[in-house]
Amino acid sequence: MFATANPEQYSDLLLLLERCKVPQGITIHKKLKVFGKPDVVIVFEAKNEELAAEFVKQFGRVSDVRTHLAISVE
């Protein structure tokens, strides 16, 4: 998930990054603050799309959120 803070809500986004609610069935692999845009990247795994949407939704009130499906290359 890539999140770019809404104007005047950068600190809210960073606080949410630390205190976000992680539903059961979501595994957080990495939380990153980015120097540039986007402001935040979260690499996570979800059991299904509904759980992923539930998790990402909380960031939508303070940022523009983009999600992408990533597949591991072995």
C-alpha atoms as a PDB file:
ATOM      1  CA  MET A   1       0.000   0.000   0.000  1.00  0.00           C
ATOM      2  CA  PHE A   2       1.257   3.475  -0.911  1.00  0.00           C
ATOM      3  CA  ALA A   3      -0.127   6.479   0.994  1.00  0.00           C
ATOM      4  CA  THR A   4       0.439  10.159   0.274  1.00  0.00           C
ATOM      5  CA  ALA A   5      -0.770  12.429   3.064  1.00  0.00           C
ATOM      6  CA  ASN A   6      -3.615  14.846   2.432  1.00  0.00           C
ATOM      7  CA  PRO A   7      -2.631  18.505   2.852  1.00  0.00           C
ATOM      8  CA  GLU A   8      -2.164  19.375   6.537  1.00  0.00           C
ATOM      9  CA  GLN A   9      -2.440  15.686   7.588  1.00  0.00           C
ATOM     10  CA  TYR A  10       1.143  14.430   7.304  1.00  0.00           C
ATOM     11  CA  SER A  11       1.544  14.049  11.074  1.00  0.00           C
ATOM     12  CA  ASP A  12      -1.835  12.271  11.267  1.00  0.00           C
ATOM     13  CA  LEU A  13      -0.653   9.765   8.677  1.00  0.00           C
ATOM     14  CA  LEU A  14       2.580   9.069  10.548  1.00  0.00           C
ATOM     15  CA  LEU A  15       0.679   8.620  13.819  1.00  0.00           C
ATOM     16  CA  LEU A  16      -1.727   6.221  12.114  1.00  0.00           C
ATOM     17  CA  LEU A  17       1.243   4.314  10.707  1.00  0.00           C
ATOM     18  CA  GLU A  18       2.367   3.597  14.267  1.00  0.00           C
ATOM     19  CA  ARG A  19      -1.104   2.933  15.711  1.00  0.00           C
ATOM     20  CA  CYS A  20      -3.050   1.374  12.857  1.00  0.00           C
ATOM     21  CA  LYS A  21      -5.545  -1.381  13.582  1.00  0.00           C
ATOM     22  CA  VAL A  22      -4.428  -4.650  12.038  1.00  0.00           C
ATOM     23  CA  PRO A  23      -7.343  -7.059  11.556  1.00  0.00           C
ATOM     24  CA  GLN A  24      -6.852 -10.739  12.205  1.00  0.00           C
ATOM     25  CA  GLY A  25      -5.815 -12.299   8.903  1.00  0.00           C
ATOM     26  CA  ILE A  26      -3.462  -9.437   7.959  1.00  0.00           C
ATOM     27  CA  THR A  27       0.299  -9.860   8.276  1.00  0.00           C
ATOM     28  CA  ILE A  28       2.441  -6.714   8.173  1.00  0.00           C
ATOM     29  CA  HIS A  29       5.820  -7.401   6.572  1.00  0.00           C
ATOM     30  CA  LYS A  30       7.189  -3.848   6.499  1.00  0.00           C
ATOM     31  CA  LYS A  31       6.152  -0.289   7.400  1.00  0.00           C
ATOM     32  CA  LEU A  32       8.231   2.424   5.742  1.00  0.00           C
ATOM     33  CA  LYS A  33       8.357   6.219   5.946  1.00  0.00           C
ATOM     34  CA  VAL A  34       9.502   7.527   2.579  1.00  0.00           C
ATOM     35  CA  PHE A  35      11.576  10.609   1.820  1.00  0.00           C
ATOM     36  CA  GLY A  36       9.453  11.834  -1.076  1.00  0.00           C
ATOM     37  CA  LYS A  37       6.151  10.644  -2.457  1.00  0.00           C
ATOM     38  CA  PRO A  38       4.442   8.498  -1.406  1.00  0.00           C
ATOM     39  CA  ASP A  39       4.926   9.368   2.263  1.00  0.00           C
ATOM     40  CA  VAL A  40       4.289   5.859   3.574  1.00  0.00           C
ATOM     41  CA  VAL A  41       4.606   2.327   2.202  1.00  0.00           C
ATOM     42  CA  ILE A  42       3.194  -0.703   3.976  1.00  0.00           C
ATOM     43  CA  VAL A  43       3.931  -4.170   2.671  1.00  0.00           C
ATOM     44  CA  PHE A  44       1.317  -6.546   3.994  1.00  0.00           C
ATOM     45  CA  GLU A  45      -0.335  -9.847   3.257  1.00  0.00           C
ATOM     46  CA  ALA A  46      -4.072 -10.454   3.547  1.00  0.00           C
ATOM     47  CA  LYS A  47      -6.053 -13.679   3.507  1.00  0.00           C
ATOM     48  CA  ASN A  48      -8.547 -12.095   1.113  1.00  0.00           C
ATOM     49  CA  GLU A  49      -9.512  -8.858  -0.620  1.00  0.00           C
ATOM     50  CA  GLU A  50     -12.133  -7.950   1.982  1.00  0.00           C
ATOM     51  CA  LEU A  51      -9.552  -7.974   4.780  1.00  0.00           C
ATOM     52  CA  ALA A  52      -7.145  -5.954   2.671  1.00  0.00           C
ATOM     53  CA  ALA A  53      -9.851  -3.349   2.006  1.00  0.00           C
ATOM     54  CA  GLU A  54     -10.770  -3.202   5.703  1.00  0.00           C
ATOM     55  CA  PHE A  55      -7.146  -2.563   6.642  1.00  0.00           C
ATOM     56  CA  VAL A  56      -6.460   0.043   3.945  1.00  0.00           C
ATOM     57  CA  LYS A  57      -9.719   1.944   4.547  1.00  0.00           C
ATOM     58  CA  GLN A  58      -8.449   3.504   7.791  1.00  0.00           C
ATOM     59  CA  PHE A  59      -5.670   5.299   5.892  1.00  0.00           C
ATOM     60  CA  GLY A  60      -8.096   6.852   3.410  1.00  0.00           C
ATOM     61  CA  ARG A  61      -9.246   9.537   5.854  1.00  0.00           C
ATOM     62  CA  VAL A  62      -5.776  11.131   6.042  1.00  0.00           C
ATOM     63  CA  SER A  63      -4.171  10.203   2.726  1.00  0.00           C
ATOM     64  CA  ASP A  64      -4.499   9.248  -0.907  1.00  0.00           C
ATOM     65  CA  VAL A  65      -4.071   5.469  -0.871  1.00  0.00           C
ATOM     66  CA  ARG A  66      -2.934   3.245  -3.736  1.00  0.00           C
ATOM     67  CA  THR A  67      -2.738  -0.520  -3.530  1.00  0.00           C
ATOM     68  CA  HIS A  68      -1.050  -3.021  -5.796  1.00  0.00           C
ATOM     69  CA  LEU A  69      -0.921  -6.783  -5.892  1.00  0.00           C
ATOM     70  CA  ALA A  70       2.668  -7.974  -5.589  1.00  0.00           C
ATOM     71  CA  ILE A  71       3.835 -11.492  -6.327  1.00  0.00           C
ATOM     72  CA  SER A  72       7.094 -12.847  -4.957  1.00  0.00           C
ATOM     73  CA  VAL A  73       9.706 -13.850  -7.511  1.00  0.00           C
ATOM     74  CA  GLU A  74      11.712 -16.845  -6.417  1.00  0.00           C
END
